[in-house]
Amino acid sequence: MKDTLNMSVSQVFSKNGERYAFVSFTDGARSAEGKIPACKIISSVGFGKEETAQLEDYMTRELARLKRMAAGVDVMRAFMEP
């Protein structure tokens, strides 16, 4: 993988009693999206199998922190005036 990998975490979604969030990874032209708490890459463009396995391993190791990040995302705050 390249030296700089950007990551973002979505808000928490809930469907049929399942709570989940998405984790996006980008480094220029390549991108991948994973889903937590399953810690699985669900789409990838430009990352090889070994690299997606590394991203899944990262999500597994950092799951608690990623969940906290997702819980802190408030999409509606973006629409509120200061």
PDB file of N, CA and C in Angstrom:
ATOM      1  N   MET A   1       0.837  -1.183   0.000  1.00  0.00           N
ATOM      2  CA  MET A   1       0.000   0.000   0.000  1.00  0.00           C
ATOM      3  C   MET A   1       0.883   1.248   0.000  1.00  0.00           C
ATOM      4  N   LYS A   2       0.343   2.346  -0.455  1.00  0.00           N
ATOM      5  CA  LYS A   2       1.056   3.612  -0.448  1.00  0.00           C
ATOM      6  C   LYS A   2       1.201   4.102   0.984  1.00  0.00           C
ATOM      7  N   ASP A   3       2.039   5.123   1.174  1.00  0.00           N
ATOM      8  CA  ASP A   3       2.299   5.646   2.514  1.00  0.00           C
ATOM      9  C   ASP A   3       1.097   6.332   3.142  1.00  0.00           C
ATOM     10  N   THR A   4       0.298   7.037   2.337  1.00  0.00           N
ATOM     11  CA  THR A   4      -0.844   7.784   2.858  1.00  0.00           C
ATOM     12  C   THR A   4      -2.144   7.092   2.469  1.00  0.00           C
ATOM     13  N   LEU A   5      -2.881   6.695   3.491  1.00  0.00           N
ATOM     14  CA  LEU A   5      -4.179   6.058   3.278  1.00  0.00           C
ATOM     15  C   LEU A   5      -5.197   6.833   4.093  1.00  0.00           C
ATOM     16  N   ASN A   6      -6.171   7.422   3.415  1.00  0.00           N
ATOM     17  CA  ASN A   6      -7.208   8.194   4.102  1.00  0.00           C
ATOM     18  C   ASN A   6      -8.348   7.268   4.483  1.00  0.00           C
ATOM     19  N   MET A   7      -8.908   7.514   5.656  1.00  0.00           N
ATOM     20  CA  MET A   7     -10.003   6.695   6.154  1.00  0.00           C
ATOM     21  C   MET A   7     -11.116   7.599   6.666  1.00  0.00           C
ATOM     22  N   SER A   8     -12.348   7.202   6.410  1.00  0.00           N
ATOM     23  CA  SER A   8     -13.497   7.899   6.983  1.00  0.00           C
ATOM     24  C   SER A   8     -14.503   6.861   7.466  1.00  0.00           C
ATOM     25  N   VAL A   9     -15.297   7.262   8.439  1.00  0.00           N
ATOM     26  CA  VAL A   9     -16.279   6.362   9.050  1.00  0.00           C
ATOM     27  C   VAL A   9     -17.645   7.025   8.955  1.00  0.00           C
ATOM     28  N   SER A  10     -18.650   6.248   8.576  1.00  0.00           N
ATOM     29  CA  SER A  10     -20.008   6.773   8.440  1.00  0.00           C
ATOM     30  C   SER A  10     -20.706   6.799   9.797  1.00  0.00           C
ATOM     31  N   GLN A  11     -21.888   7.342   9.778  1.00  0.00           N
ATOM     32  CA  GLN A  11     -22.764   7.257  10.944  1.00  0.00           C
ATOM     33  C   GLN A  11     -23.203   5.810  11.127  1.00  0.00           C
ATOM     34  N   VAL A  12     -23.831   5.520  12.246  1.00  0.00           N
ATOM     35  CA  VAL A  12     -24.377   4.188  12.509  1.00  0.00           C
ATOM     36  C   VAL A  12     -25.744   4.084  11.843  1.00  0.00           C
ATOM     37  N   PHE A  13     -25.958   3.004  11.122  1.00  0.00           N
ATOM     38  CA  PHE A  13     -27.237   2.716  10.491  1.00  0.00           C
ATOM     39  C   PHE A  13     -27.881   1.554  11.218  1.00  0.00           C
ATOM     40  N   SER A  14     -29.185   1.448  11.123  1.00  0.00           N
ATOM     41  CA  SER A  14     -29.898   0.344  11.750  1.00  0.00           C
ATOM     42  C   SER A  14     -30.965  -0.162  10.781  1.00  0.00           C
ATOM     43  N   LYS A  15     -30.939  -1.491  10.549  1.00  0.00           N
ATOM     44  CA  LYS A  15     -31.922  -2.094   9.660  1.00  0.00           C
ATOM     45  C   LYS A  15     -32.236  -3.486  10.189  1.00  0.00           C
ATOM     46  N   ASN A  16     -33.508  -3.749  10.387  1.00  0.00           N
ATOM     47  CA  ASN A  16     -33.961  -5.058  10.886  1.00  0.00           C
ATOM     48  C   ASN A  16     -33.227  -5.463  12.157  1.00  0.00           C
ATOM     49  N   GLY A  17     -32.984  -4.499  13.032  1.00  0.00           N
ATOM     50  CA  GLY A  17     -32.318  -4.776  14.299  1.00  0.00           C
ATOM     51  C   GLY A  17     -30.805  -4.861  14.211  1.00  0.00           C
ATOM     52  N   GLU A  18     -30.247  -4.795  13.009  1.00  0.00           N
ATOM     53  CA  GLU A  18     -28.792  -4.845  12.829  1.00  0.00           C
ATOM     54  C   GLU A  18     -28.246  -3.425  12.805  1.00  0.00           C
ATOM     55  N   ARG A  19     -27.213  -3.176  13.608  1.00  0.00           N
ATOM     56  CA  ARG A  19     -26.549  -1.873  13.624  1.00  0.00           C
ATOM     57  C   ARG A  19     -25.199  -2.030  12.932  1.00  0.00           C
ATOM     58  N   TYR A  20     -24.888  -1.114  12.020  1.00  0.00           N
ATOM     59  CA  TYR A  20     -23.645  -1.213  11.268  1.00  0.00           C
ATOM     60  C   TYR A  20     -23.211   0.169  10.802  1.00  0.00           C
ATOM     61  N   ALA A  21     -21.963   0.250  10.373  1.00  0.00           N
ATOM     62  CA  ALA A  21     -21.415   1.483   9.810  1.00  0.00           C
ATOM     63  C   ALA A  21     -20.457   1.087   8.692  1.00  0.00           C
ATOM     64  N   PHE A  22     -20.103   2.066   7.895  1.00  0.00           N
ATOM     65  CA  PHE A  22     -19.191   1.841   6.780  1.00  0.00           C
ATOM     66  C   PHE A  22     -17.871   2.554   7.035  1.00  0.00           C
ATOM     67  N   VAL A  23     -16.786   1.924   6.631  1.00  0.00           N
ATOM     68  CA  VAL A  23     -15.451   2.501   6.749  1.00  0.00           C
ATOM     69  C   VAL A  23     -14.880   2.578   5.341  1.00  0.00           C
ATOM     70  N   SER A  24     -14.490   3.783   4.929  1.00  0.00           N
ATOM     71  CA  SER A  24     -13.950   3.989   3.578  1.00  0.00           C
ATOM     72  C   SER A  24     -12.456   4.267   3.660  1.00  0.00           C
ATOM     73  N   PHE A  25     -11.725   3.664   2.742  1.00  0.00           N
ATOM     74  CA  PHE A  25     -10.283   3.855   2.630  1.00  0.00           C
ATOM     75  C   PHE A  25      -9.983   4.343   1.223  1.00  0.00           C
ATOM     76  N   THR A  26      -9.144   5.385   1.094  1.00  0.00           N
ATOM     77  CA  THR A  26      -8.741   5.879  -0.220  1.00  0.00           C
ATOM     78  C   THR A  26      -7.272   6.281  -0.192  1.00  0.00           C
ATOM     79  N   ASP A  27      -6.625   6.140  -1.321  1.00  0.00           N
ATOM     80  CA  ASP A  27      -5.260   6.672  -1.496  1.00  0.00           C
ATOM     81  C   ASP A  27      -5.080   7.061  -2.960  1.00  0.00           C
ATOM     82  N   GLY A  28      -5.721   8.113  -3.327  1.00  0.00           N
ATOM     83  CA  GLY A  28      -5.657   8.559  -4.723  1.00  0.00           C
ATOM     84  C   GLY A  28      -6.725   7.869  -5.547  1.00  0.00           C
ATOM     85  N   ALA A  29      -6.315   7.090  -6.547  1.00  0.00           N
ATOM     86  CA  ALA A  29      -7.263   6.444  -7.453  1.00  0.00           C
ATOM     87  C   ALA A  29      -7.886   5.183  -6.852  1.00  0.00           C
ATOM     88  N   ARG A  30      -7.250   4.626  -5.816  1.00  0.00           N
ATOM     89  CA  ARG A  30      -7.771   3.386  -5.227  1.00  0.00           C
ATOM     90  C   ARG A  30      -8.732   3.684  -4.076  1.00  0.00           C
ATOM     91  N   SER A  31      -9.740   2.833  -3.943  1.00  0.00           N
ATOM     92  CA  SER A  31     -10.686   3.003  -2.849  1.00  0.00           C
ATOM     93  C   SER A  31     -11.239   1.644  -2.428  1.00  0.00           C
ATOM     94  N   ALA A  32     -11.646   1.576  -1.177  1.00  0.00           N
ATOM     95  CA  ALA A  32     -12.271   0.366  -0.649  1.00  0.00           C
ATOM     96  C   ALA A  32     -13.266   0.782   0.418  1.00  0.00           C
ATOM     97  N   GLU A  33     -14.337   0.011   0.537  1.00  0.00           N
ATOM     98  CA  GLU A  33     -15.334   0.276   1.557  1.00  0.00           C
ATOM     99  C   GLU A  33     -15.581  -1.009   2.328  1.00  0.00           C
ATOM    100  N   GLY A  34     -15.537  -0.879   3.653  1.00  0.00           N
ATOM    101  CA  GLY A  34     -15.793  -2.013   4.519  1.00  0.00           C
ATOM    102  C   GLY A  34     -17.007  -1.758   5.380  1.00  0.00           C
ATOM    103  N   LYS A  35     -17.491  -2.808   5.996  1.00  0.00           N
ATOM    104  CA  LYS A  35     -18.669  -2.711   6.857  1.00  0.00           C
ATOM    105  C   LYS A  35     -18.291  -3.262   8.225  1.00  0.00           C
ATOM    106  N   ILE A  36     -18.615  -2.500   9.275  1.00  0.00           N
ATOM    107  CA  ILE A  36     -18.402  -2.981  10.636  1.00  0.00           C
ATOM    108  C   ILE A  36     -19.762  -3.173  11.295  1.00  0.00           C
ATOM    109  N   PRO A  37     -19.931  -4.103  12.192  1.00  0.00           N
ATOM    110  CA  PRO A  37     -18.905  -4.861  12.901  1.00  0.00           C
ATOM    111  C   PRO A  37     -18.431  -6.123  12.181  1.00  0.00           C
ATOM    112  N   ALA A  38     -18.897  -6.407  10.984  1.00  0.00           N
ATOM    113  CA  ALA A  38     -18.465  -7.622  10.280  1.00  0.00           C
ATOM    114  C   ALA A  38     -16.987  -7.556   9.901  1.00  0.00           C
ATOM    115  N   CYS A  39     -16.453  -6.338   9.769  1.00  0.00           N
ATOM    116  CA  CYS A  39     -15.041  -6.133   9.409  1.00  0.00           C
ATOM    117  C   CYS A  39     -14.703  -6.786   8.075  1.00  0.00           C
ATOM    118  N   LYS A  40     -15.579  -6.599   7.107  1.00  0.00           N
ATOM    119  CA  LYS A  40     -15.388  -7.154   5.775  1.00  0.00           C
ATOM    120  C   LYS A  40     -15.379  -6.028   4.747  1.00  0.00           C
ATOM    121  N   ILE A  41     -14.477  -6.128   3.788  1.00  0.00           N
ATOM    122  CA  ILE A  41     -14.463  -5.191   2.664  1.00  0.00           C
ATOM    123  C   ILE A  41     -15.596  -5.611   1.726  1.00  0.00           C
ATOM    124  N   ILE A  42     -16.499  -4.667   1.419  1.00  0.00           N
ATOM    125  CA  ILE A  42     -17.648  -4.992   0.573  1.00  0.00           C
ATOM    126  C   ILE A  42     -17.485  -4.486  -0.849  1.00  0.00           C
ATOM    127  N   SER A  43     -16.546  -3.545  -1.064  1.00  0.00           N
ATOM    128  CA  SER A  43     -16.233  -3.107  -2.421  1.00  0.00           C
ATOM    129  C   SER A  43     -14.799  -2.586  -2.436  1.00  0.00           C
ATOM    130  N   SER A  44     -14.137  -2.794  -3.557  1.00  0.00           N
ATOM    131  CA  SER A  44     -12.745  -2.379  -3.663  1.00  0.00           C
ATOM    132  C   SER A  44     -12.409  -2.099  -5.125  1.00  0.00           C
ATOM    133  N   VAL A  45     -11.687  -1.004  -5.354  1.00  0.00           N
ATOM    134  CA  VAL A  45     -11.193  -0.656  -6.683  1.00  0.00           C
ATOM    135  C   VAL A  45      -9.701  -0.365  -6.544  1.00  0.00           C
ATOM    136  N   GLY A  46      -8.888  -1.223  -7.124  1.00  0.00           N
ATOM    137  CA  GLY A  46      -7.458  -0.984  -7.144  1.00  0.00           C
ATOM    138  C   GLY A  46      -6.651  -1.655  -6.052  1.00  0.00           C
ATOM    139  N   PHE A  47      -7.297  -2.155  -5.012  1.00  0.00           N
ATOM    140  CA  PHE A  47      -6.584  -2.852  -3.942  1.00  0.00           C
ATOM    141  C   PHE A  47      -6.549  -4.345  -4.264  1.00  0.00           C
ATOM    142  N   GLY A  48      -5.402  -4.981  -4.041  1.00  0.00           N
ATOM    143  CA  GLY A  48      -5.266  -6.413  -4.263  1.00  0.00           C
ATOM    144  C   GLY A  48      -5.849  -7.213  -3.107  1.00  0.00           C
ATOM    145  N   LYS A  49      -5.898  -8.534  -3.273  1.00  0.00           N
ATOM    146  CA  LYS A  49      -6.461  -9.411  -2.237  1.00  0.00           C
ATOM    147  C   LYS A  49      -5.714  -9.282  -0.920  1.00  0.00           C
ATOM    148  N   GLU A  50      -4.381  -9.245  -0.986  1.00  0.00           N
ATOM    149  CA  GLU A  50      -3.591  -9.131   0.249  1.00  0.00           C
ATOM    150  C   GLU A  50      -3.858  -7.804   0.943  1.00  0.00           C
ATOM    151  N   GLU A  51      -3.986  -6.744   0.153  1.00  0.00           N
ATOM    152  CA  GLU A  51      -4.257  -5.425   0.725  1.00  0.00           C
ATOM    153  C   GLU A  51      -5.647  -5.362   1.353  1.00  0.00           C
ATOM    154  N   THR A  52      -6.657  -5.946   0.704  1.00  0.00           N
ATOM    155  CA  THR A  52      -7.992  -5.941   1.309  1.00  0.00           C
ATOM    156  C   THR A  52      -7.994  -6.785   2.580  1.00  0.00           C
ATOM    157  N   ALA A  53      -7.225  -7.861   2.612  1.00  0.00           N
ATOM    158  CA  ALA A  53      -7.108  -8.660   3.835  1.00  0.00           C
ATOM    159  C   ALA A  53      -6.468  -7.838   4.954  1.00  0.00           C
ATOM    160  N   GLN A  54      -5.490  -6.998   4.606  1.00  0.00           N
ATOM    161  CA  GLN A  54      -4.867  -6.122   5.597  1.00  0.00           C
ATOM    162  C   GLN A  54      -5.865  -5.092   6.120  1.00  0.00           C
ATOM    163  N   LEU A  55      -6.707  -4.565   5.241  1.00  0.00           N
ATOM    164  CA  LEU A  55      -7.726  -3.602   5.670  1.00  0.00           C
ATOM    165  C   LEU A  55      -8.741  -4.274   6.598  1.00  0.00           C
ATOM    166  N   GLU A  56      -9.143  -5.492   6.284  1.00  0.00           N
ATOM    167  CA  GLU A  56     -10.065  -6.235   7.156  1.00  0.00           C
ATOM    168  C   GLU A  56      -9.418  -6.516   8.510  1.00  0.00           C
ATOM    169  N   ASP A  57      -8.136  -6.854   8.501  1.00  0.00           N
ATOM    170  CA  ASP A  57      -7.417  -7.081   9.757  1.00  0.00           C
ATOM    171  C   ASP A  57      -7.375  -5.794  10.581  1.00  0.00           C
ATOM    172  N   TYR A  58      -7.119  -4.679   9.918  1.00  0.00           N
ATOM    173  CA  TYR A  58      -7.118  -3.386  10.602  1.00  0.00           C
ATOM    174  C   TYR A  58      -8.472  -3.112  11.247  1.00  0.00           C
ATOM    175  N   MET A  59      -9.555  -3.312  10.493  1.00  0.00           N
ATOM    176  CA  MET A  59     -10.890  -3.054  11.045  1.00  0.00           C
ATOM    177  C   MET A  59     -11.160  -3.949  12.253  1.00  0.00           C
ATOM    178  N   THR A  60     -10.717  -5.199  12.198  1.00  0.00           N
ATOM    179  CA  THR A  60     -10.914  -6.119  13.317  1.00  0.00           C
ATOM    180  C   THR A  60     -10.150  -5.628  14.545  1.00  0.00           C
ATOM    181  N   ARG A  61      -8.880  -5.265  14.359  1.00  0.00           N
ATOM    182  CA  ARG A  61      -8.060  -4.802  15.486  1.00  0.00           C
ATOM    183  C   ARG A  61      -8.577  -3.499  16.080  1.00  0.00           C
ATOM    184  N   GLU A  62      -9.096  -2.619  15.243  1.00  0.00           N
ATOM    185  CA  GLU A  62      -9.526  -1.286  15.678  1.00  0.00           C
ATOM    186  C   GLU A  62     -11.048  -1.167  15.805  1.00  0.00           C
ATOM    187  N   LEU A  63     -11.747  -2.281  15.895  1.00  0.00           N
ATOM    188  CA  LEU A  63     -13.212  -2.258  15.877  1.00  0.00           C
ATOM    189  C   LEU A  63     -13.799  -1.362  16.957  1.00  0.00           C
ATOM    190  N   ALA A  64     -13.308  -1.456  18.174  1.00  0.00           N
ATOM    191  CA  ALA A  64     -13.862  -0.637  19.264  1.00  0.00           C
ATOM    192  C   ALA A  64     -13.722   0.850  18.949  1.00  0.00           C
ATOM    193  N   ARG A  65     -12.558   1.255  18.455  1.00  0.00           N
ATOM    194  CA  ARG A  65     -12.332   2.665  18.115  1.00  0.00           C
ATOM    195  C   ARG A  65     -13.197   3.087  16.934  1.00  0.00           C
ATOM    196  N   LEU A  66     -13.325   2.228  15.924  1.00  0.00           N
ATOM    197  CA  LEU A  66     -14.166   2.551  14.769  1.00  0.00           C
ATOM    198  C   LEU A  66     -15.630   2.688  15.168  1.00  0.00           C
ATOM    199  N   LYS A  67     -16.094   1.849  16.086  1.00  0.00           N
ATOM    200  CA  LYS A  67     -17.474   1.963  16.575  1.00  0.00           C
ATOM    201  C   LYS A  67     -17.682   3.295  17.290  1.00  0.00           C
ATOM    202  N   ARG A  68     -16.711   3.710  18.103  1.00  0.00           N
ATOM    203  CA  ARG A  68     -16.824   5.001  18.800  1.00  0.00           C
ATOM    204  C   ARG A  68     -16.861   6.141  17.802  1.00  0.00           C
ATOM    205  N   MET A  69     -16.023   6.049  16.777  1.00  0.00           N
ATOM    206  CA  MET A  69     -16.012   7.091  15.742  1.00  0.00           C
ATOM    207  C   MET A  69     -17.368   7.162  15.051  1.00  0.00           C
ATOM    208  N   ALA A  70     -17.927   6.016  14.681  1.00  0.00           N
ATOM    209  CA  ALA A  70     -19.228   5.988  13.996  1.00  0.00           C
ATOM    210  C   ALA A  70     -20.324   6.538  14.897  1.00  0.00           C
ATOM    211  N   ALA A  71     -20.269   6.215  16.172  1.00  0.00           N
ATOM    212  CA  ALA A  71     -21.285   6.704  17.110  1.00  0.00           C
ATOM    213  C   ALA A  71     -21.230   8.222  17.252  1.00  0.00           C
ATOM    214  N   GLY A  72     -20.059   8.811  17.007  1.00  0.00           N
ATOM    215  CA  GLY A  72     -19.893  10.251  17.132  1.00  0.00           C
ATOM    216  C   GLY A  72     -20.258  11.034  15.883  1.00  0.00           C
ATOM    217  N   VAL A  73     -20.561  10.354  14.796  1.00  0.00           N
ATOM    218  CA  VAL A  73     -20.917  11.040  13.553  1.00  0.00           C
ATOM    219  C   VAL A  73     -22.373  11.492  13.632  1.00  0.00           C
ATOM    220  N   ASP A  74     -22.578  12.784  13.434  1.00  0.00           N
ATOM    221  CA  ASP A  74     -23.928  13.353  13.451  1.00  0.00           C
ATOM    222  C   ASP A  74     -24.157  14.057  12.112  1.00  0.00           C
ATOM    223  N   VAL A  75     -24.793  13.356  11.206  1.00  0.00           N
ATOM    224  CA  VAL A  75     -25.011  13.897   9.865  1.00  0.00           C
ATOM    225  C   VAL A  75     -25.851  15.162   9.914  1.00  0.00           C
ATOM    226  N   MET A  76     -26.814  15.229  10.768  1.00  0.00           N
ATOM    227  CA  MET A  76     -27.691  16.398  10.833  1.00  0.00           C
ATOM    228  C   MET A  76     -26.937  17.649  11.247  1.00  0.00           C
ATOM    229  N   ARG A  77     -25.826  17.501  11.966  1.00  0.00           N
ATOM    230  CA  ARG A  77     -25.034  18.660  12.384  1.00  0.00           C
ATOM    231  C   ARG A  77     -24.525  19.424  11.169  1.00  0.00           C
ATOM    232  N   ALA A  78     -24.279  18.735  10.065  1.00  0.00           N
ATOM    233  CA  ALA A  78     -23.787  19.369   8.850  1.00  0.00           C
ATOM    234  C   ALA A  78     -24.828  20.327   8.262  1.00  0.00           C
ATOM    235  N   PHE A  79     -26.100  20.123   8.570  1.00  0.00           N
ATOM    236  CA  PHE A  79     -27.172  20.955   8.028  1.00  0.00           C
ATOM    237  C   PHE A  79     -27.589  22.067   8.980  1.00  0.00           C
ATOM    238  N   MET A  80     -27.046  22.044  10.174  1.00  0.00           N
ATOM    239  CA  MET A  80     -27.408  23.047  11.182  1.00  0.00           C
ATOM    240  C   MET A  80     -26.496  24.269  11.039  1.00  0.00           C
ATOM    241  N   GLU A  81     -27.070  25.429  11.233  1.00  0.00           N
ATOM    242  CA  GLU A  81     -26.274  26.655  11.183  1.00  0.00           C
ATOM    243  C   GLU A  81     -25.622  26.851  12.532  1.00  0.00           C
ATOM    244  N   PRO A  82     -24.399  27.406  12.524  1.00  0.00           N
ATOM    245  CA  PRO A  82     -23.681  27.648  13.803  1.00  0.00           C
ATOM    246  C   PRO A  82     -24.328  28.684  14.660  1.00  0.00           C
TER     247      PRO A  82
END
